Amino acid sequence: MIKGRVIGRVWSTKRLEALPQGALLEVEVESGSRLIAFDPLGCGEGEEVLVTQGSVAAGWFEGVRAPVDALIVGSIDESG
């Protein structure tokens, strides 16, 4: 898994039917690079998240072959 921070949303007026409804978020990872991840959790800008990639991300969707290669799987709580 990759740790990152949500830095924005990606808006798309046209998308493949196989892509489920949900948000596409831009995430900056610890190395400074950025990726676009599908967000089923409702995360917001500035939130720290955990992202999984590849076949694990695509395999999360039941009954559909979603063209997703990065999936937000967790929101990191601030430690207190």
PDB file of N, CA and C in Angstrom:
ATOM      1  N   MET A   1       0.840  -1.178   0.000  1.00  0.00           N
ATOM      2  CA  MET A   1       0.000   0.000   0.000  1.00  0.00           C
ATOM      3  C   MET A   1       0.882   1.237   0.000  1.00  0.00           C
ATOM      4  N   ILE A   2       0.272   2.304  -0.465  1.00  0.00           N
ATOM      5  CA  ILE A   2       0.983   3.572  -0.577  1.00  0.00           C
ATOM      6  C   ILE A   2       0.268   4.598   0.292  1.00  0.00           C
ATOM      7  N   LYS A   3       1.037   5.387   1.025  1.00  0.00           N
ATOM      8  CA  LYS A   3       0.476   6.450   1.843  1.00  0.00           C
ATOM      9  C   LYS A   3       0.565   7.763   1.068  1.00  0.00           C
ATOM     10  N   GLY A   4      -0.527   8.540   1.089  1.00  0.00           N
ATOM     11  CA  GLY A   4      -0.533   9.809   0.381  1.00  0.00           C
ATOM     12  C   GLY A   4      -1.537  10.778   0.965  1.00  0.00           C
ATOM     13  N   ARG A   5      -1.621  11.945   0.348  1.00  0.00           N
ATOM     14  CA  ARG A   5      -2.548  12.983   0.784  1.00  0.00           C
ATOM     15  C   ARG A   5      -3.374  13.445  -0.421  1.00  0.00           C
ATOM     16  N   VAL A   6      -4.686  13.551  -0.230  1.00  0.00           N
ATOM     17  CA  VAL A   6      -5.570  14.001  -1.298  1.00  0.00           C
ATOM     18  C   VAL A   6      -5.301  15.485  -1.548  1.00  0.00           C
ATOM     19  N   ILE A   7      -5.020  15.826  -2.804  1.00  0.00           N
ATOM     20  CA  ILE A   7      -4.740  17.228  -3.138  1.00  0.00           C
ATOM     21  C   ILE A   7      -5.778  17.830  -4.079  1.00  0.00           C
ATOM     22  N   GLY A   8      -6.714  17.021  -4.535  1.00  0.00           N
ATOM     23  CA  GLY A   8      -7.755  17.575  -5.397  1.00  0.00           C
ATOM     24  C   GLY A   8      -8.631  16.503  -6.010  1.00  0.00           C
ATOM     25  N   ARG A   9      -9.666  16.972  -6.706  1.00  0.00           N
ATOM     26  CA  ARG A   9     -10.594  16.089  -7.406  1.00  0.00           C
ATOM     27  C   ARG A   9     -10.342  16.185  -8.903  1.00  0.00           C
ATOM     28  N   VAL A  10     -10.656  15.111  -9.603  1.00  0.00           N
ATOM     29  CA  VAL A  10     -10.571  15.096 -11.058  1.00  0.00           C
ATOM     30  C   VAL A  10     -11.992  14.964 -11.581  1.00  0.00           C
ATOM     31  N   TRP A  11     -12.422  15.915 -12.379  1.00  0.00           N
ATOM     32  CA  TRP A  11     -13.783  15.916 -12.910  1.00  0.00           C
ATOM     33  C   TRP A  11     -13.783  15.356 -14.315  1.00  0.00           C
ATOM     34  N   SER A  12     -14.749  14.506 -14.601  1.00  0.00           N
ATOM     35  CA  SER A  12     -14.851  13.882 -15.915  1.00  0.00           C
ATOM     36  C   SER A  12     -16.310  13.858 -16.351  1.00  0.00           C
ATOM     37  N   THR A  13     -16.608  14.533 -17.436  1.00  0.00           N
ATOM     38  CA  THR A  13     -17.996  14.537 -17.919  1.00  0.00           C
ATOM     39  C   THR A  13     -18.290  13.310 -18.776  1.00  0.00           C
ATOM     40  N   LYS A  14     -17.251  12.689 -19.293  1.00  0.00           N
ATOM     41  CA  LYS A  14     -17.408  11.466 -20.076  1.00  0.00           C
ATOM     42  C   LYS A  14     -16.562  10.391 -19.425  1.00  0.00           C
ATOM     43  N   ARG A  15     -17.155   9.202 -19.242  1.00  0.00           N
ATOM     44  CA  ARG A  15     -16.405   8.100 -18.656  1.00  0.00           C
ATOM     45  C   ARG A  15     -16.936   6.778 -19.165  1.00  0.00           C
ATOM     46  N   LEU A  16     -16.114   5.756 -19.105  1.00  0.00           N
ATOM     47  CA  LEU A  16     -16.525   4.420 -19.517  1.00  0.00           C
ATOM     48  C   LEU A  16     -17.649   3.918 -18.623  1.00  0.00           C
ATOM     49  N   GLU A  17     -18.584   3.181 -19.209  1.00  0.00           N
ATOM     50  CA  GLU A  17     -19.687   2.628 -18.426  1.00  0.00           C
ATOM     51  C   GLU A  17     -19.197   1.650 -17.356  1.00  0.00           C
ATOM     52  N   ALA A  18     -18.083   0.988 -17.593  1.00  0.00           N
ATOM     53  CA  ALA A  18     -17.556   0.017 -16.640  1.00  0.00           C
ATOM     54  C   ALA A  18     -16.967   0.672 -15.388  1.00  0.00           C
ATOM     55  N   LEU A  19     -16.746   1.984 -15.445  1.00  0.00           N
ATOM     56  CA  LEU A  19     -16.220   2.686 -14.279  1.00  0.00           C
ATOM     57  C   LEU A  19     -17.378   3.039 -13.362  1.00  0.00           C
ATOM     58  N   PRO A  20     -17.402   2.476 -12.151  1.00  0.00           N
ATOM     59  CA  PRO A  20     -18.519   2.735 -11.235  1.00  0.00           C
ATOM     60  C   PRO A  20     -18.625   4.210 -10.878  1.00  0.00           C
ATOM     61  N   GLN A  21     -19.773   4.605 -10.405  1.00  0.00           N
ATOM     62  CA  GLN A  21     -19.941   5.979  -9.947  1.00  0.00           C
ATOM     63  C   GLN A  21     -19.112   6.169  -8.688  1.00  0.00           C
ATOM     64  N   GLY A  22     -18.448   7.268  -8.606  1.00  0.00           N
ATOM     65  CA  GLY A  22     -17.593   7.567  -7.459  1.00  0.00           C
ATOM     66  C   GLY A  22     -16.625   8.663  -7.844  1.00  0.00           C
ATOM     67  N   ALA A  23     -15.888   9.108  -6.874  1.00  0.00           N
ATOM     68  CA  ALA A  23     -14.967  10.218  -7.091  1.00  0.00           C
ATOM     69  C   ALA A  23     -13.606   9.717  -7.580  1.00  0.00           C
ATOM     70  N   LEU A  24     -13.003  10.522  -8.405  1.00  0.00           N
ATOM     71  CA  LEU A  24     -11.613  10.328  -8.801  1.00  0.00           C
ATOM     72  C   LEU A  24     -10.812  11.431  -8.122  1.00  0.00           C
ATOM     73  N   LEU A  25      -9.853  11.035  -7.302  1.00  0.00           N
ATOM     74  CA  LEU A  25      -9.087  12.010  -6.533  1.00  0.00           C
ATOM     75  C   LEU A  25      -7.623  11.996  -6.936  1.00  0.00           C
ATOM     76  N   GLU A  26      -7.021  13.174  -6.918  1.00  0.00           N
ATOM     77  CA  GLU A  26      -5.585  13.279  -7.156  1.00  0.00           C
ATOM     78  C   GLU A  26      -4.894  13.153  -5.801  1.00  0.00           C
ATOM     79  N   VAL A  27      -3.944  12.237  -5.731  1.00  0.00           N
ATOM     80  CA  VAL A  27      -3.248  11.944  -4.478  1.00  0.00           C
ATOM     81  C   VAL A  27      -1.754  12.178  -4.683  1.00  0.00           C
ATOM     82  N   GLU A  28      -1.155  12.922  -3.760  1.00  0.00           N
ATOM     83  CA  GLU A  28       0.299  13.092  -3.774  1.00  0.00           C
ATOM     84  C   GLU A  28       0.876  12.100  -2.785  1.00  0.00           C
ATOM     85  N   VAL A  29       1.765  11.241  -3.262  1.00  0.00           N
ATOM     86  CA  VAL A  29       2.351  10.204  -2.410  1.00  0.00           C
ATOM     87  C   VAL A  29       3.631  10.714  -1.757  1.00  0.00           C
ATOM     88  N   GLU A  30       4.150   9.955  -0.807  1.00  0.00           N
ATOM     89  CA  GLU A  30       5.304  10.398  -0.019  1.00  0.00           C
ATOM     90  C   GLU A  30       6.522  10.762  -0.859  1.00  0.00           C
ATOM     91  N   SER A  31       6.693  10.132  -2.016  1.00  0.00           N
ATOM     92  CA  SER A  31       7.842  10.424  -2.885  1.00  0.00           C
ATOM     93  C   SER A  31       7.687  11.750  -3.623  1.00  0.00           C
ATOM     94  N   GLY A  32       6.475  12.344  -3.553  1.00  0.00           N
ATOM     95  CA  GLY A  32       6.218  13.601  -4.250  1.00  0.00           C
ATOM     96  C   GLY A  32       5.508  13.418  -5.577  1.00  0.00           C
ATOM     97  N   SER A  33       5.429  12.177  -6.050  1.00  0.00           N
ATOM     98  CA  SER A  33       4.710  11.937  -7.301  1.00  0.00           C
ATOM     99  C   SER A  33       3.204  11.957  -7.032  1.00  0.00           C
ATOM    100  N   ARG A  34       2.444  12.030  -8.084  1.00  0.00           N
ATOM    101  CA  ARG A  34       0.991  12.105  -7.976  1.00  0.00           C
ATOM    102  C   ARG A  34       0.343  10.984  -8.767  1.00  0.00           C
ATOM    103  N   LEU A  35      -0.844  10.575  -8.308  1.00  0.00           N
ATOM    104  CA  LEU A  35      -1.617   9.582  -9.038  1.00  0.00           C
ATOM    105  C   LEU A  35      -3.095   9.904  -8.881  1.00  0.00           C
ATOM    106  N   ILE A  36      -3.888   9.313  -9.754  1.00  0.00           N
ATOM    107  CA  ILE A  36      -5.339   9.449  -9.688  1.00  0.00           C
ATOM    108  C   ILE A  36      -5.879   8.143  -9.128  1.00  0.00           C
ATOM    109  N   ALA A  37      -6.695   8.243  -8.078  1.00  0.00           N
ATOM    110  CA  ALA A  37      -7.225   7.048  -7.422  1.00  0.00           C
ATOM    111  C   ALA A  37      -8.743   7.124  -7.333  1.00  0.00           C
ATOM    112  N   PHE A  38      -9.396   5.986  -7.494  1.00  0.00           N
ATOM    113  CA  PHE A  38     -10.843   5.889  -7.322  1.00  0.00           C
ATOM    114  C   PHE A  38     -11.123   5.892  -5.820  1.00  0.00           C
ATOM    115  N   ASP A  39     -12.125   6.668  -5.398  1.00  0.00           N
ATOM    116  CA  ASP A  39     -12.428   6.820  -3.980  1.00  0.00           C
ATOM    117  C   ASP A  39     -13.837   6.349  -3.635  1.00  0.00           C
ATOM    118  N   PRO A  40     -13.984   5.164  -3.044  1.00  0.00           N
ATOM    119  CA  PRO A  40     -15.301   4.691  -2.621  1.00  0.00           C
ATOM    120  C   PRO A  40     -15.655   5.133  -1.204  1.00  0.00           C
ATOM    121  N   LEU A  41     -14.753   5.858  -0.527  1.00  0.00           N
ATOM    122  CA  LEU A  41     -14.951   6.194   0.876  1.00  0.00           C
ATOM    123  C   LEU A  41     -15.476   7.609   1.132  1.00  0.00           C
ATOM    124  N   GLY A  42     -15.377   8.486   0.156  1.00  0.00           N
ATOM    125  CA  GLY A  42     -15.811   9.866   0.356  1.00  0.00           C
ATOM    126  C   GLY A  42     -14.757  10.731   1.025  1.00  0.00           C
ATOM    127  N   CYS A  43     -13.502  10.526   0.695  1.00  0.00           N
ATOM    128  CA  CYS A  43     -12.407  11.288   1.285  1.00  0.00           C
ATOM    129  C   CYS A  43     -12.389  12.715   0.739  1.00  0.00           C
ATOM    130  N   GLY A  44     -11.775  13.606   1.507  1.00  0.00           N
ATOM    131  CA  GLY A  44     -11.726  15.006   1.110  1.00  0.00           C
ATOM    132  C   GLY A  44     -10.314  15.524   0.962  1.00  0.00           C
ATOM    133  N   GLU A  45     -10.222  16.711   0.400  1.00  0.00           N
ATOM    134  CA  GLU A  45      -8.932  17.343   0.169  1.00  0.00           C
ATOM    135  C   GLU A  45      -8.189  17.532   1.489  1.00  0.00           C
ATOM    136  N   GLY A  46      -6.899  17.217   1.477  1.00  0.00           N
ATOM    137  CA  GLY A  46      -6.063  17.332   2.653  1.00  0.00           C
ATOM    138  C   GLY A  46      -6.016  16.074   3.505  1.00  0.00           C
ATOM    139  N   GLU A  47      -6.880  15.123   3.232  1.00  0.00           N
ATOM    140  CA  GLU A  47      -6.959  13.903   4.030  1.00  0.00           C
ATOM    141  C   GLU A  47      -5.827  12.939   3.655  1.00  0.00           C
ATOM    142  N   GLU A  48      -5.218  12.317   4.674  1.00  0.00           N
ATOM    143  CA  GLU A  48      -4.212  11.291   4.421  1.00  0.00           C
ATOM    144  C   GLU A  48      -4.920   9.975   4.145  1.00  0.00           C
ATOM    145  N   VAL A  49      -4.459   9.264   3.121  1.00  0.00           N
ATOM    146  CA  VAL A  49      -5.126   8.040   2.684  1.00  0.00           C
ATOM    147  C   VAL A  49      -4.121   6.933   2.403  1.00  0.00           C
ATOM    148  N   LEU A  50      -4.642   5.708   2.357  1.00  0.00           N
ATOM    149  CA  LEU A  50      -3.877   4.549   1.915  1.00  0.00           C
ATOM    150  C   LEU A  50      -4.425   4.127   0.562  1.00  0.00           C
ATOM    151  N   VAL A  51      -3.533   3.867  -0.369  1.00  0.00           N
ATOM    152  CA  VAL A  51      -3.913   3.523  -1.739  1.00  0.00           C
ATOM    153  C   VAL A  51      -3.305   2.175  -2.096  1.00  0.00           C
ATOM    154  N   THR A  52      -4.097   1.338  -2.747  1.00  0.00           N
ATOM    155  CA  THR A  52      -3.575   0.092  -3.304  1.00  0.00           C
ATOM    156  C   THR A  52      -3.647   0.203  -4.824  1.00  0.00           C
ATOM    157  N   GLN A  53      -2.774  -0.509  -5.506  1.00  0.00           N
ATOM    158  CA  GLN A  53      -2.713  -0.405  -6.964  1.00  0.00           C
ATOM    159  C   GLN A  53      -2.744  -1.775  -7.625  1.00  0.00           C
ATOM    160  N   GLY A  54      -2.954  -1.754  -8.930  1.00  0.00           N
ATOM    161  CA  GLY A  54      -2.880  -2.959  -9.739  1.00  0.00           C
ATOM    162  C   GLY A  54      -4.099  -3.845  -9.634  1.00  0.00           C
ATOM    163  N   SER A  55      -3.876  -5.149  -9.738  1.00  0.00           N
ATOM    164  CA  SER A  55      -4.982  -6.106  -9.777  1.00  0.00           C
ATOM    165  C   SER A  55      -5.795  -6.115  -8.491  1.00  0.00           C
ATOM    166  N   VAL A  56      -5.177  -5.789  -7.371  1.00  0.00           N
ATOM    167  CA  VAL A  56      -5.918  -5.713  -6.106  1.00  0.00           C
ATOM    168  C   VAL A  56      -6.967  -4.604  -6.183  1.00  0.00           C
ATOM    169  N   ALA A  57      -6.595  -3.472  -6.737  1.00  0.00           N
ATOM    170  CA  ALA A  57      -7.535  -2.351  -6.879  1.00  0.00           C
ATOM    171  C   ALA A  57      -8.678  -2.721  -7.821  1.00  0.00           C
ATOM    172  N   ALA A  58      -8.366  -3.284  -8.954  1.00  0.00           N
ATOM    173  CA  ALA A  58      -9.398  -3.650  -9.931  1.00  0.00           C
ATOM    174  C   ALA A  58     -10.282  -4.776  -9.423  1.00  0.00           C
ATOM    175  N   GLY A  59      -9.728  -5.683  -8.632  1.00  0.00           N
ATOM    176  CA  GLY A  59     -10.467  -6.833  -8.137  1.00  0.00           C
ATOM    177  C   GLY A  59     -11.450  -6.520  -7.025  1.00  0.00           C
ATOM    178  N   TRP A  60     -11.406  -5.332  -6.470  1.00  0.00           N
ATOM    179  CA  TRP A  60     -12.302  -4.958  -5.381  1.00  0.00           C
ATOM    180  C   TRP A  60     -13.762  -4.872  -5.831  1.00  0.00           C
ATOM    181  N   PHE A  61     -13.982  -4.549  -7.090  1.00  0.00           N
ATOM    182  CA  PHE A  61     -15.329  -4.352  -7.622  1.00  0.00           C
ATOM    183  C   PHE A  61     -15.963  -5.694  -7.950  1.00  0.00           C
ATOM    184  N   GLU A  62     -17.119  -5.966  -7.370  1.00  0.00           N
ATOM    185  CA  GLU A  62     -17.805  -7.237  -7.600  1.00  0.00           C
ATOM    186  C   GLU A  62     -18.680  -7.176  -8.850  1.00  0.00           C
ATOM    187  N   GLY A  63     -18.612  -8.207  -9.669  1.00  0.00           N
ATOM    188  CA  GLY A  63     -19.495  -8.334 -10.820  1.00  0.00           C
ATOM    189  C   GLY A  63     -19.185  -7.430 -11.998  1.00  0.00           C
ATOM    190  N   VAL A  64     -18.087  -6.705 -11.948  1.00  0.00           N
ATOM    191  CA  VAL A  64     -17.728  -5.820 -13.056  1.00  0.00           C
ATOM    192  C   VAL A  64     -16.200  -5.768 -13.167  1.00  0.00           C
ATOM    193  N   ARG A  65     -15.739  -5.653 -14.386  1.00  0.00           N
ATOM    194  CA  ARG A  65     -14.299  -5.483 -14.614  1.00  0.00           C
ATOM    195  C   ARG A  65     -14.029  -3.991 -14.750  1.00  0.00           C
ATOM    196  N   ALA A  66     -13.828  -3.338 -13.636  1.00  0.00           N
ATOM    197  CA  ALA A  66     -13.628  -1.886 -13.621  1.00  0.00           C
ATOM    198  C   ALA A  66     -12.201  -1.524 -14.038  1.00  0.00           C
ATOM    199  N   PRO A  67     -12.065  -0.512 -14.896  1.00  0.00           N
ATOM    200  CA  PRO A  67     -10.739  -0.084 -15.335  1.00  0.00           C
ATOM    201  C   PRO A  67     -10.085   0.829 -14.297  1.00  0.00           C
ATOM    202  N   VAL A  68      -9.819   0.275 -13.122  1.00  0.00           N
ATOM    203  CA  VAL A  68      -9.238   1.037 -12.015  1.00  0.00           C
ATOM    204  C   VAL A  68      -7.897   0.416 -11.647  1.00  0.00           C
ATOM    205  N   ASP A  69      -6.848   1.235 -11.567  1.00  0.00           N
ATOM    206  CA  ASP A  69      -5.553   0.693 -11.157  1.00  0.00           C
ATOM    207  C   ASP A  69      -5.027   1.330  -9.877  1.00  0.00           C
ATOM    208  N   ALA A  70      -5.814   2.226  -9.270  1.00  0.00           N
ATOM    209  CA  ALA A  70      -5.458   2.800  -7.974  1.00  0.00           C
ATOM    210  C   ALA A  70      -6.756   3.018  -7.199  1.00  0.00           C
ATOM    211  N   LEU A  71      -6.818   2.506  -5.974  1.00  0.00           N
ATOM    212  CA  LEU A  71      -8.037   2.530  -5.176  1.00  0.00           C
ATOM    213  C   LEU A  71      -7.714   2.978  -3.759  1.00  0.00           C
ATOM    214  N   ILE A  72      -8.439   3.964  -3.257  1.00  0.00           N
ATOM    215  CA  ILE A  72      -8.269   4.392  -1.873  1.00  0.00           C
ATOM    216  C   ILE A  72      -8.962   3.363  -0.990  1.00  0.00           C
ATOM    217  N   VAL A  73      -8.200   2.746  -0.084  1.00  0.00           N
ATOM    218  CA  VAL A  73      -8.730   1.688   0.767  1.00  0.00           C
ATOM    219  C   VAL A  73      -8.804   2.087   2.232  1.00  0.00           C
ATOM    220  N   GLY A  74      -8.298   3.244   2.572  1.00  0.00           N
ATOM    221  CA  GLY A  74      -8.345   3.673   3.964  1.00  0.00           C
ATOM    222  C   GLY A  74      -8.062   5.142   4.115  1.00  0.00           C
ATOM    223  N   SER A  75      -8.640   5.713   5.168  1.00  0.00           N
ATOM    224  CA  SER A  75      -8.388   7.093   5.561  1.00  0.00           C
ATOM    225  C   SER A  75      -7.604   7.032   6.861  1.00  0.00           C
ATOM    226  N   ILE A  76      -6.468   7.714   6.916  1.00  0.00           N
ATOM    227  CA  ILE A  76      -5.600   7.639   8.077  1.00  0.00           C
ATOM    228  C   ILE A  76      -6.034   8.676   9.107  1.00  0.00           C
ATOM    229  N   ASP A  77      -6.333   8.190  10.316  1.00  0.00           N
ATOM    230  CA  ASP A  77      -6.700   9.082  11.409  1.00  0.00           C
ATOM    231  C   ASP A  77      -5.453   9.743  11.962  1.00  0.00           C
ATOM    232  N   GLU A  78      -5.618  10.981  12.438  1.00  0.00           N
ATOM    233  CA  GLU A  78      -4.498  11.652  13.089  1.00  0.00           C
ATOM    234  C   GLU A  78      -4.230  10.963  14.414  1.00  0.00           C
ATOM    235  N   SER A  79      -2.956  10.720  14.692  1.00  0.00           N
ATOM    236  CA  SER A  79      -2.626  10.085  15.961  1.00  0.00           C
ATOM    237  C   SER A  79      -2.650  11.138  17.061  1.00  0.00           C
ATOM    238  N   GLY A  80      -3.087  10.719  18.224  1.00  0.00           N
ATOM    239  CA  GLY A  80      -3.234  11.695  19.306  1.00  0.00           C
ATOM    240  C   GLY A  80      -2.505  11.347  20.462  1.00  0.00           C
TER     241      GLY A  80
END
